[in-house]
Amino acid sequence: MKKILMLISISFLGISGCKKGLEAQLPGTLNPTTFPKTEADYQSLVTGIYKLFGSKWTYSDGGITGDLFFGVEFSNIFLNDYPTDGIAYFPEWGGFFDSFSKADFNFMRNLAGRRNHLEKIRFITKITKIIADVNAATVVSADSKVAFEAEARAARGILMYHLLTMYGPVPYIDDPDLIGNSDAEANMKRPDRSTYVARVAEDLQFAATNLVPEPAEYGRFNKGCALTYLMRLYLFEKDWSNAEQTGRELLKMNYQLVDNYSSLFKVATEKNTETIWAISCDPAANGNNNLGNMNAWTFYTYSADYPGNISAPGEPRKGGWASPAGAFTATWYFYDTFDPTDTRRALLIPSYNPINSSGVPTGAVKNRENGLRGPVINKYPDDDPTAFAGNDIPICRYADVLLMMAEAINEQQGPVSEAQGLINQVRNRANLLDLEGADIASTEAFRDAILRERGWELFFEGQRRIDLVRMGKFTQILTAAGKTPQPGTGLFPVPQYMLDWGMEQTPGY
């Protein structure tokens, strides 16, 4: 039976100041003189850090409502896969679906608080307060203090990494003495990039040093998760030496590729030797904040006439929510880049027999020849007899580590045999031969080969835009796929209301 990490919702008192910028808005009804009072209370306090790292429709925290990094709308898939060469333009629903899918980010200039991930800088302040409270507690053992702080700093590091990949360095408070200081909380000046990156690296390194490889509760941050994010950070900053060093720590752990790629995304085999950290999903969940995490992706990837989702037990299978294609459909451009023998391509469905609104087959066929917009993304197959899927959502995988390691080595030494061996492990699992010839002729050629491999291996896992930005290929690759990115930097603009508070606009806007 799957052990779900049930996240609790806690309100906090004790932070005041201005009502904008870096202030953590944490009103609530708990009395700080009675809670937290025991070590168990402090553990519950720390568990609140997971609020941003689940899969639900939204989160609500201290009067702030927003979207989750790993939920659905405005999630990592929306931010990092939708506006790339892998996902087709989707105009039917308009709004941010239209804009994200054609890689036009200008609409984000006018975002309100809920849809603006920059509001999560308040959560950085909140985590800073939690860390300070834990370390000041007299009822918490020294060992527990370290463990609690490691979880909190993992959350802060992961949060700050994601914001860096979206906007560049953002303002933050990591000094608890500044919480409640009106001037500090109103200071929206961006820090130097080196200062920001050092803060993220220090948090993730502390977490990696003090978290265990396998927590007692499945779903909590672990050592491998912290190291993977630290490696991603170094790679994004082109700090190849530290990326390699971090990767070597991961290579010494007990992770290994599974034999069957598709098994990584199925309910029966979601716990395995390759998945380092995943969002644990419950088929009984439906996005309600009082329930566990949901996996709603088939509602978005299956078209209305695709014989996929089950509306209720015993009813005919029905499709997703969009017509005439799914809200997320792969591009034929991306599909055609696969070698036909690549087993990973099997999770993109190029042809299907549509059903009507009652779930009855129509006898027709939808494929490329008769106007199918693109292959159906079936990364999370409908395995549960419920409306929502129970497939866990992998966030950190060992295959990603191998490809990052190959990149870090190549950027320092060129396509040496070790780097080739790392990428070939991933290719061989997909039924592909080792790289040879032009692909390993130079650092530049091997870099391009790694980018292609990452696209095939990690599609629909929230990595593509970050990869393209890091390698300086965002505009080039999207243009080749028929999209015209606006403005072309691959980063997102700061909305107007935050500019009014004094934050600088993202370069390029």
Protein backbone atom coordinates (compact mmCIF):
# COMPACT_ATOMS: atom_id res chain seq x y z
CA MET A 1 0.00 0.00 0.00
CA LYS A 2 1.38 3.38 -0.97
CA LYS A 3 2.51 5.52 1.93
CA ILE A 4 1.40 9.04 1.20
CA LEU A 5 3.02 12.03 2.86
CA MET A 6 -0.03 13.89 4.13
CA LEU A 7 0.75 17.58 4.26
CA ILE A 8 -0.87 19.58 6.98
CA SER A 9 -1.97 23.19 6.76
CA ILE A 10 -0.78 25.39 9.61
CA SER A 11 -1.23 29.10 10.22
CA PHE A 12 1.46 31.10 11.95
CA LEU A 13 1.61 34.20 14.10
CA GLY A 14 4.36 36.58 14.98
CA ILE A 15 5.40 38.34 11.77
CA SER A 16 4.41 41.93 11.08
CA GLY A 17 5.50 44.74 8.80
CA CYS A 18 4.52 46.22 5.49
CA LYS A 19 2.02 44.48 3.28
CA LYS A 20 4.15 44.12 0.22
CA GLY A 21 7.48 42.80 -0.99
CA LEU A 22 9.30 40.25 1.13
CA GLU A 23 6.89 40.11 4.04
CA ALA A 24 5.53 36.67 4.84
CA GLN A 25 1.81 37.21 5.36
CA LEU A 26 1.04 34.69 8.06
CA PRO A 27 -2.13 35.59 9.95
CA GLY A 28 -3.80 32.77 11.85
CA THR A 29 -5.55 31.61 14.99
CA LEU A 30 -2.81 29.57 16.66
CA ASN A 31 -1.51 31.09 19.87
CA PRO A 32 2.31 31.33 19.78
CA THR A 33 2.37 30.92 23.57
CA THR A 34 0.92 27.42 23.24
CA PHE A 35 2.16 26.31 19.81
CA PRO A 36 4.74 25.13 19.02
CA LYS A 37 5.47 23.76 22.48
CA THR A 38 6.84 20.22 22.00
CA GLU A 39 9.29 18.65 19.58
CA ALA A 40 6.35 17.06 17.78
CA ASP A 41 4.85 20.55 17.37
CA TYR A 42 8.08 21.76 15.77
CA GLN A 43 8.06 18.77 13.43
CA SER A 44 4.54 19.78 12.36
CA LEU A 45 5.77 23.34 11.90
CA VAL A 46 8.52 22.12 9.56
CA THR A 47 6.09 19.93 7.63
CA GLY A 48 4.41 23.15 6.52
CA ILE A 49 7.35 23.79 4.16
CA TYR A 50 5.96 21.14 1.80
CA LYS A 51 2.93 23.26 0.98
CA LEU A 52 4.53 24.54 -2.24
CA PHE A 53 5.81 21.13 -3.33
CA GLY A 54 2.67 19.11 -3.90
CA SER A 55 0.24 18.64 -6.77
CA LYS A 56 -3.09 20.35 -6.17
CA TRP A 57 -4.99 23.08 -7.95
CA THR A 58 -3.58 25.84 -5.74
CA TYR A 59 -2.05 26.49 -2.35
CA SER A 60 -3.27 29.01 0.22
CA ASP A 61 -0.94 30.42 2.84
CA GLY A 62 -1.47 33.39 5.13
CA GLY A 63 -3.91 35.09 2.80
CA ILE A 64 -1.83 34.34 -0.31
CA THR A 65 -3.28 31.95 -2.90
CA GLY A 66 -1.04 30.71 -5.67
CA ASP A 67 -0.12 27.95 -8.07
CA LEU A 68 2.24 25.12 -7.20
CA PHE A 69 5.55 24.29 -8.86
CA PHE A 70 4.46 20.68 -9.45
CA GLY A 71 0.70 21.06 -9.69
CA VAL A 72 -0.99 21.66 -13.03
CA GLU A 73 -1.68 25.17 -14.30
CA PHE A 74 1.38 27.46 -14.10
CA SER A 75 3.37 24.44 -12.91
CA ASN A 76 6.83 23.38 -14.07
CA ILE A 77 5.22 21.65 -17.08
CA PHE A 78 3.46 24.87 -18.09
CA LEU A 79 6.57 26.97 -17.53
CA ASN A 80 9.23 24.68 -18.92
CA ASP A 81 7.62 22.35 -21.49
CA TYR A 82 4.63 24.21 -22.94
CA PRO A 83 6.67 27.04 -24.51
CA THR A 84 9.16 24.74 -26.27
CA ASP A 85 9.62 22.67 -29.38
CA GLY A 86 8.02 19.61 -27.79
CA ILE A 87 4.47 20.87 -27.22
CA ALA A 88 2.08 22.08 -29.93
CA TYR A 89 0.40 25.47 -29.98
CA PHE A 90 -3.01 25.26 -28.30
CA PRO A 91 -5.35 28.19 -29.13
CA GLU A 92 -8.74 26.75 -28.15
CA TRP A 93 -8.86 27.88 -24.53
CA GLY A 94 -7.12 31.20 -25.15
CA GLY A 95 -5.56 33.12 -22.26
CA PHE A 96 -2.40 31.76 -20.71
CA PHE A 97 -2.84 28.42 -22.52
CA ASP A 98 -2.54 30.26 -25.82
CA SER A 99 0.36 32.43 -24.64
CA PHE A 100 2.46 29.75 -22.97
CA SER A 101 2.02 27.29 -25.82
CA LYS A 102 3.28 29.82 -28.39
CA ALA A 103 6.10 31.04 -26.09
CA ASP A 104 4.81 34.59 -25.71
CA PHE A 105 5.44 35.64 -22.11
CA ASN A 106 4.38 39.28 -22.41
CA PHE A 107 1.03 38.54 -20.78
CA MET A 108 2.92 37.85 -17.55
CA ARG A 109 3.65 41.57 -17.23
CA ASN A 110 0.07 42.01 -16.02
CA LEU A 111 -0.27 38.97 -13.79
CA ALA A 112 -1.99 39.30 -10.46
CA GLY A 113 -0.69 37.69 -7.29
CA ARG A 114 -2.07 34.18 -7.67
CA ARG A 115 -0.49 33.49 -11.05
CA ASN A 116 2.79 35.16 -10.15
CA HIS A 117 5.40 32.77 -8.77
CA LEU A 118 7.38 35.78 -7.53
CA GLU A 119 4.88 35.95 -4.67
CA LYS A 120 6.71 32.90 -3.31
CA ILE A 121 9.52 35.14 -2.11
CA ARG A 122 7.24 35.57 0.91
CA PHE A 123 7.60 31.84 1.51
CA ILE A 124 11.40 32.27 1.59
CA THR A 125 10.86 34.67 4.49
CA LYS A 126 8.55 32.18 6.16
CA ILE A 127 11.11 29.37 5.88
CA THR A 128 13.78 31.67 7.29
CA LYS A 129 11.51 32.26 10.31
CA ILE A 130 10.89 28.53 10.74
CA ILE A 131 14.63 27.79 10.71
CA ALA A 132 15.23 30.45 13.35
CA ASP A 133 12.38 29.20 15.54
CA VAL A 134 13.60 25.61 15.37
CA ASN A 135 17.15 26.52 16.31
CA ALA A 136 15.93 28.68 19.22
CA ALA A 137 13.64 25.97 20.60
CA THR A 138 14.63 24.52 23.97
CA VAL A 139 12.39 21.47 23.63
CA VAL A 140 13.98 20.18 20.41
CA SER A 141 16.99 17.86 20.56
CA ALA A 142 20.22 18.80 18.81
CA ASP A 143 19.83 15.98 16.29
CA SER A 144 16.24 16.93 15.51
CA LYS A 145 17.23 20.57 15.05
CA VAL A 146 19.71 19.56 12.37
CA ALA A 147 17.19 17.27 10.67
CA PHE A 148 14.42 19.89 10.74
CA GLU A 149 16.75 22.61 9.46
CA ALA A 150 17.93 20.34 6.63
CA GLU A 151 14.36 19.86 5.41
CA ALA A 152 13.62 23.56 5.64
CA ARG A 153 16.81 24.55 3.84
CA ALA A 154 16.10 21.99 1.11
CA ALA A 155 12.74 23.68 0.57
CA ARG A 156 14.28 27.14 0.52
CA GLY A 157 17.03 26.05 -1.87
CA ILE A 158 14.66 24.32 -4.28
CA LEU A 159 12.28 27.28 -4.20
CA MET A 160 15.07 29.76 -4.89
CA TYR A 161 16.50 27.58 -7.67
CA HIS A 162 13.17 27.53 -9.50
CA LEU A 163 12.76 31.29 -9.18
CA LEU A 164 16.31 31.76 -10.53
CA THR A 165 15.48 29.73 -13.65
CA MET A 166 12.34 31.82 -14.18
CA TYR A 167 13.42 35.38 -13.43
CA GLY A 168 17.10 35.41 -12.54
CA PRO A 169 18.06 36.44 -8.97
CA VAL A 170 15.12 37.67 -6.91
CA PRO A 171 15.03 39.57 -3.61
CA TYR A 172 14.85 37.48 -0.45
CA ILE A 173 15.30 37.55 3.32
CA ASP A 174 17.57 34.92 4.86
CA ASP A 175 18.33 36.82 8.08
CA PRO A 176 15.63 36.29 10.73
CA ASP A 177 16.59 39.54 12.44
CA LEU A 178 15.27 41.41 9.38
CA ILE A 179 11.82 39.84 9.57
CA GLY A 180 9.40 42.51 10.71
CA ASN A 181 11.76 45.28 9.65
CA SER A 182 9.70 47.48 7.37
CA ASP A 183 12.68 48.76 5.40
CA ALA A 184 14.10 45.26 4.83
CA GLU A 185 10.72 43.82 3.82
CA ALA A 186 10.13 46.67 1.38
CA ASN A 187 13.57 46.34 -0.25
CA MET A 188 12.84 44.74 -3.62
CA LYS A 189 16.30 45.25 -5.11
CA ARG A 190 17.69 42.16 -6.79
CA PRO A 191 20.86 40.80 -5.17
CA ASP A 192 24.06 40.14 -7.08
CA ARG A 193 23.82 36.86 -8.94
CA SER A 194 26.86 35.42 -7.16
CA THR A 195 25.36 36.24 -3.76
CA TYR A 196 22.04 34.67 -4.68
CA VAL A 197 23.61 31.52 -6.12
CA ALA A 198 25.84 31.13 -3.07
CA ARG A 199 22.75 31.28 -0.82
CA VAL A 200 21.01 28.55 -2.84
CA ALA A 201 24.13 26.38 -2.97
CA GLU A 202 24.73 26.69 0.76
CA ASP A 203 21.17 25.66 1.56
CA LEU A 204 21.22 22.66 -0.77
CA GLN A 205 24.66 21.55 0.42
CA PHE A 206 23.52 21.72 4.06
CA ALA A 207 20.44 19.72 3.15
CA ALA A 208 22.46 17.12 1.23
CA THR A 209 24.89 16.72 4.13
CA ASN A 210 22.19 16.25 6.75
CA LEU A 211 19.24 14.59 5.03
CA VAL A 212 19.04 10.80 4.92
CA PRO A 213 18.88 8.89 1.62
CA GLU A 214 15.56 7.27 2.53
CA PRO A 215 13.30 9.21 4.92
CA ALA A 216 10.86 7.34 7.12
CA GLU A 217 7.99 9.03 5.28
CA TYR A 218 8.00 8.58 1.52
CA GLY A 219 7.71 11.91 -0.22
CA ARG A 220 9.88 13.99 2.11
CA PHE A 221 13.07 15.57 0.78
CA ASN A 222 16.08 13.27 0.82
CA LYS A 223 19.83 13.46 0.31
CA GLY A 224 19.66 12.52 -3.38
CA CYS A 225 16.98 15.15 -4.06
CA ALA A 226 19.12 17.89 -2.48
CA LEU A 227 22.19 16.80 -4.45
CA THR A 228 20.23 16.66 -7.71
CA TYR A 229 18.99 20.22 -7.25
CA LEU A 230 22.48 21.35 -6.27
CA MET A 231 23.82 19.79 -9.47
CA ARG A 232 21.08 21.50 -11.49
CA LEU A 233 22.03 24.81 -9.92
CA TYR A 234 25.72 24.43 -10.78
CA LEU A 235 24.85 23.33 -14.31
CA PHE A 236 22.52 26.30 -14.84
CA GLU A 237 25.34 28.60 -13.71
CA LYS A 238 27.87 26.76 -15.92
CA ASP A 239 29.93 25.91 -12.85
CA TRP A 240 31.02 22.68 -14.49
CA SER A 241 33.58 21.66 -11.86
CA ASN A 242 31.14 21.83 -8.94
CA ALA A 243 28.44 20.19 -11.06
CA GLU A 244 30.79 17.28 -11.73
CA GLN A 245 31.80 17.03 -8.08
CA THR A 246 28.15 16.93 -7.01
CA GLY A 247 27.37 14.37 -9.70
CA ARG A 248 30.11 12.10 -8.42
CA GLU A 249 28.46 12.12 -5.00
CA LEU A 250 25.24 10.96 -6.64
CA LEU A 251 27.02 8.27 -8.65
CA LYS A 252 28.25 6.76 -5.37
CA MET A 253 24.70 6.34 -4.09
CA ASN A 254 22.59 3.27 -4.85
CA TYR A 255 20.60 4.65 -7.78
CA GLN A 256 20.48 2.85 -11.11
CA LEU A 257 18.43 2.93 -14.28
CA VAL A 258 15.41 0.66 -14.43
CA ASP A 259 15.22 -1.66 -17.43
CA ASN A 260 11.87 -0.39 -18.73
CA TYR A 261 11.56 3.37 -19.27
CA SER A 262 7.75 3.41 -19.33
CA SER A 263 7.59 1.65 -15.95
CA LEU A 264 8.87 4.82 -14.28
CA PHE A 265 5.49 6.47 -14.83
CA LYS A 266 3.15 3.60 -13.93
CA VAL A 267 1.43 3.15 -10.59
CA ALA A 268 2.64 -0.41 -10.04
CA THR A 269 6.32 0.44 -10.51
CA GLU A 270 6.53 4.09 -9.45
CA LYS A 271 8.85 3.26 -6.55
CA ASN A 272 12.08 2.05 -8.10
CA THR A 273 15.87 2.37 -8.16
CA GLU A 274 15.88 5.31 -10.58
CA THR A 275 13.40 7.77 -9.13
CA ILE A 276 15.27 9.91 -6.61
CA TRP A 277 12.32 12.06 -5.53
CA ALA A 278 8.73 12.22 -6.73
CA ILE A 279 5.43 13.87 -5.88
CA SER A 280 3.42 11.06 -4.30
CA CYS A 281 -0.08 11.02 -5.81
CA ASP A 282 -3.29 9.41 -4.55
CA PRO A 283 -5.91 8.19 -7.06
CA ALA A 284 -8.62 9.27 -4.61
CA ALA A 285 -7.37 12.87 -4.65
CA ASN A 286 -9.04 15.49 -6.82
CA GLY A 287 -7.07 18.65 -6.07
CA ASN A 288 -8.90 19.46 -2.84
CA ASN A 289 -6.40 20.83 -0.33
CA ASN A 290 -7.71 18.49 2.37
CA LEU A 291 -6.76 15.42 0.33
CA GLY A 292 -3.45 14.08 -0.96
CA ASN A 293 -1.67 15.02 -4.16
CA MET A 294 -3.42 14.45 -7.48
CA ASN A 295 -2.21 13.60 -10.96
CA ALA A 296 -4.57 15.38 -13.35
CA TRP A 297 -2.34 15.33 -16.42
CA THR A 298 -4.43 12.96 -18.54
CA PHE A 299 -7.29 15.46 -18.43
CA TYR A 300 -4.93 17.88 -20.18
CA THR A 301 -3.03 15.52 -22.48
CA TYR A 302 -5.99 13.43 -23.70
CA SER A 303 -8.38 15.08 -26.14
CA ALA A 304 -12.12 14.88 -25.53
CA ASP A 305 -12.45 11.99 -27.99
CA TYR A 306 -9.46 9.99 -26.73
CA PRO A 307 -10.45 6.68 -25.08
CA GLY A 308 -8.54 7.39 -21.89
CA ASN A 309 -9.98 8.75 -18.65
CA ILE A 310 -12.50 6.91 -16.52
CA SER A 311 -15.21 9.29 -15.34
CA ALA A 312 -16.41 6.94 -12.61
CA PRO A 313 -16.09 3.21 -11.81
CA GLY A 314 -18.14 1.13 -14.21
CA GLU A 315 -18.65 3.89 -16.76
CA PRO A 316 -17.19 3.83 -20.30
CA ARG A 317 -13.79 5.44 -20.67
CA LYS A 318 -14.03 9.05 -21.72
CA GLY A 319 -11.50 11.54 -22.96
CA GLY A 320 -9.90 14.62 -21.54
CA TRP A 321 -11.15 18.17 -21.31
CA ALA A 322 -10.07 19.75 -24.59
CA SER A 323 -11.21 19.47 -28.21
CA PRO A 324 -10.26 18.88 -30.98
CA ALA A 325 -6.86 18.09 -29.42
CA GLY A 326 -5.54 17.79 -25.90
CA ALA A 327 -4.43 20.97 -24.17
CA PHE A 328 -0.93 19.46 -24.20
CA THR A 329 -0.09 17.66 -27.44
CA ALA A 330 3.39 16.83 -28.70
CA THR A 331 4.54 18.41 -31.94
CA TRP A 332 5.18 16.27 -35.01
CA TYR A 333 8.47 18.17 -35.22
CA PHE A 334 9.55 16.70 -31.87
CA TYR A 335 8.13 13.25 -32.64
CA ASP A 336 10.12 13.08 -35.87
CA THR A 337 13.39 13.73 -34.05
CA PHE A 338 13.16 10.32 -32.37
CA ASP A 339 14.84 7.29 -33.84
CA PRO A 340 11.94 4.94 -34.72
CA THR A 341 13.55 2.23 -32.57
CA ASP A 342 13.66 4.49 -29.49
CA THR A 343 11.38 2.87 -26.91
CA ARG A 344 10.68 6.26 -25.28
CA ARG A 345 8.71 7.32 -28.35
CA ALA A 346 6.05 4.75 -27.41
CA LEU A 347 4.73 7.23 -24.82
CA LEU A 348 3.71 9.50 -27.71
CA ILE A 349 0.62 8.08 -29.45
CA PRO A 350 0.54 8.97 -33.20
CA SER A 351 -2.84 7.38 -33.96
CA TYR A 352 -5.98 6.41 -32.07
CA ASN A 353 -9.61 5.40 -32.53
CA PRO A 354 -11.79 8.26 -31.22
CA ILE A 355 -14.89 7.86 -29.05
CA ASN A 356 -18.06 9.93 -28.83
CA SER A 357 -19.26 11.86 -25.77
CA SER A 358 -20.72 8.68 -24.30
CA GLY A 359 -17.42 6.86 -24.52
CA VAL A 360 -18.49 4.69 -27.49
CA PRO A 361 -15.95 4.11 -30.31
CA THR A 362 -16.88 5.92 -33.50
CA GLY A 363 -15.02 3.56 -35.84
CA ALA A 364 -12.87 6.38 -37.19
CA VAL A 365 -9.11 6.85 -36.99
CA LYS A 366 -7.25 10.03 -36.03
CA ASN A 367 -3.66 10.36 -37.18
CA ARG A 368 -1.28 12.76 -38.87
CA GLU A 369 -2.80 12.15 -42.29
CA ASN A 370 -6.29 13.29 -41.27
CA GLY A 371 -5.37 16.32 -39.19
CA LEU A 372 -4.30 15.07 -35.76
CA ARG A 373 -2.46 18.10 -34.35
CA GLY A 374 0.27 15.99 -32.83
CA PRO A 375 0.90 12.73 -30.95
CA VAL A 376 -1.00 12.22 -27.70
CA ILE A 377 1.27 12.47 -24.67
CA ASN A 378 0.74 9.32 -22.63
CA LYS A 379 3.54 9.74 -20.10
CA TYR A 380 1.14 9.00 -17.25
CA PRO A 381 -1.11 6.18 -18.47
CA ASP A 382 -4.56 5.92 -16.95
CA ASP A 383 -3.92 3.03 -14.57
CA ASP A 384 -6.50 3.67 -11.85
CA PRO A 385 -10.29 3.10 -11.90
CA THR A 386 -10.84 6.68 -10.73
CA ALA A 387 -11.28 10.00 -12.47
CA PHE A 388 -7.84 11.15 -11.33
CA ALA A 389 -4.66 9.10 -11.73
CA GLY A 390 -2.49 7.81 -8.91
CA ASN A 391 0.76 7.85 -10.88
CA ASP A 392 3.52 9.53 -8.89
CA ILE A 393 5.20 12.47 -10.65
CA PRO A 394 9.01 12.04 -10.78
CA ILE A 395 10.90 15.29 -10.15
CA CYS A 396 14.45 13.94 -9.81
CA ARG A 397 15.65 10.88 -11.75
CA TYR A 398 18.99 9.13 -12.06
CA ALA A 399 18.88 9.34 -15.87
CA ASP A 400 18.88 13.13 -15.52
CA VAL A 401 21.94 12.87 -13.26
CA LEU A 402 23.81 10.78 -15.85
CA LEU A 403 23.06 13.29 -18.60
CA MET A 404 24.01 16.27 -16.42
CA MET A 405 27.26 14.51 -15.53
CA ALA A 406 28.04 13.90 -19.20
CA GLU A 407 27.45 17.60 -19.87
CA ALA A 408 29.65 18.77 -17.00
CA ILE A 409 32.53 16.52 -18.11
CA ASN A 410 32.17 17.49 -21.77
CA GLU A 411 32.33 21.21 -20.97
CA GLN A 412 35.64 20.68 -19.20
CA GLN A 413 37.32 17.85 -21.09
CA GLY A 414 35.36 17.39 -24.28
CA PRO A 415 33.59 14.16 -25.31
CA VAL A 416 35.93 11.82 -23.45
CA SER A 417 35.04 8.16 -23.01
CA GLU A 418 33.55 8.65 -19.52
CA ALA A 419 31.11 11.27 -20.78
CA GLN A 420 30.17 9.08 -23.72
CA GLY A 421 29.60 6.13 -21.41
CA LEU A 422 27.20 8.11 -19.24
CA ILE A 423 24.97 9.20 -22.13
CA ASN A 424 25.19 5.76 -23.70
CA GLN A 425 23.76 4.17 -20.56
CA VAL A 426 20.63 6.23 -21.10
CA ARG A 427 20.57 5.53 -24.85
CA ASN A 428 21.07 1.80 -24.47
CA ARG A 429 18.14 1.56 -22.07
CA ALA A 430 16.05 3.17 -24.83
CA ASN A 431 17.19 0.52 -27.35
CA LEU A 432 19.62 2.90 -29.08
CA LEU A 433 23.22 2.28 -30.07
CA ASP A 434 26.17 4.19 -28.64
CA LEU A 435 26.87 7.65 -30.01
CA GLU A 436 29.55 7.74 -32.67
CA GLY A 437 30.89 9.74 -35.60
CA ALA A 438 29.93 13.41 -35.82
CA ASP A 439 28.11 13.36 -32.47
CA ILE A 440 31.36 12.80 -30.59
CA ALA A 441 33.68 14.78 -32.85
CA SER A 442 33.88 17.93 -30.70
CA THR A 443 32.67 19.56 -27.51
CA GLU A 444 30.05 21.50 -29.49
CA ALA A 445 28.74 18.44 -31.33
CA PHE A 446 28.55 16.41 -28.13
CA ARG A 447 26.76 19.29 -26.38
CA ASP A 448 24.11 19.22 -29.12
CA ALA A 449 23.82 15.44 -28.76
CA ILE A 450 23.27 15.81 -25.01
CA LEU A 451 20.56 18.43 -25.60
CA ARG A 452 18.76 16.10 -28.01
CA GLU A 453 19.07 13.20 -25.59
CA ARG A 454 17.70 15.28 -22.72
CA GLY A 455 14.72 16.20 -24.89
CA TRP A 456 13.92 12.56 -25.63
CA GLU A 457 14.54 11.32 -22.11
CA LEU A 458 12.93 14.10 -20.06
CA PHE A 459 10.04 15.32 -22.22
CA PHE A 460 7.04 16.41 -20.17
CA GLU A 461 9.08 16.46 -16.97
CA GLY A 462 9.59 20.22 -16.72
CA GLN A 463 13.20 20.52 -17.90
CA ARG A 464 13.18 21.64 -21.55
CA ARG A 465 13.01 25.46 -21.31
CA ILE A 466 15.72 25.43 -18.62
CA ASP A 467 17.94 23.28 -20.84
CA LEU A 468 17.43 25.52 -23.86
CA VAL A 469 18.16 28.67 -21.87
CA ARG A 470 21.27 27.16 -20.29
CA MET A 471 22.67 26.09 -23.65
CA GLY A 472 21.72 29.35 -25.39
CA LYS A 473 19.39 27.54 -27.81
CA PHE A 474 15.97 28.82 -26.76
CA THR A 475 15.23 31.03 -29.76
CA GLN A 476 17.02 28.82 -32.26
CA ILE A 477 15.24 25.59 -31.35
CA LEU A 478 11.80 27.16 -31.02
CA THR A 479 12.15 28.93 -34.35
CA ALA A 480 13.04 25.63 -36.00
CA ALA A 481 9.89 24.14 -34.48
CA GLY A 482 7.72 26.94 -35.88
CA LYS A 483 7.30 29.07 -32.76
CA THR A 484 8.34 32.70 -32.38
CA PRO A 485 9.36 33.24 -28.75
CA GLN A 486 8.65 36.64 -27.26
CA PRO A 487 10.85 38.33 -26.26
CA GLY A 488 13.32 35.51 -26.87
CA THR A 489 15.28 35.40 -23.62
CA GLY A 490 13.48 32.34 -22.28
CA LEU A 491 13.02 34.06 -18.91
CA PHE A 492 9.82 35.63 -17.58
CA PRO A 493 8.95 39.29 -16.97
CA VAL A 494 8.29 40.85 -13.58
CA PRO A 495 4.62 41.94 -13.37
CA GLN A 496 3.85 45.62 -13.18
CA TYR A 497 2.68 45.70 -9.57
CA MET A 498 6.06 44.35 -8.44
CA LEU A 499 7.85 46.90 -10.60
CA ASP A 500 5.80 49.52 -8.77
CA TRP A 501 7.21 48.12 -5.52
CA GLY A 502 10.74 48.69 -6.82
CA MET A 503 11.83 45.34 -8.28
CA GLU A 504 13.91 45.58 -11.47
CA GLN A 505 12.52 44.12 -14.69
CA THR A 506 14.00 40.91 -16.06
CA PRO A 507 16.71 41.67 -18.65
CA GLY A 508 15.33 41.52 -22.19
CA TYR A 509 11.95 43.10 -21.42
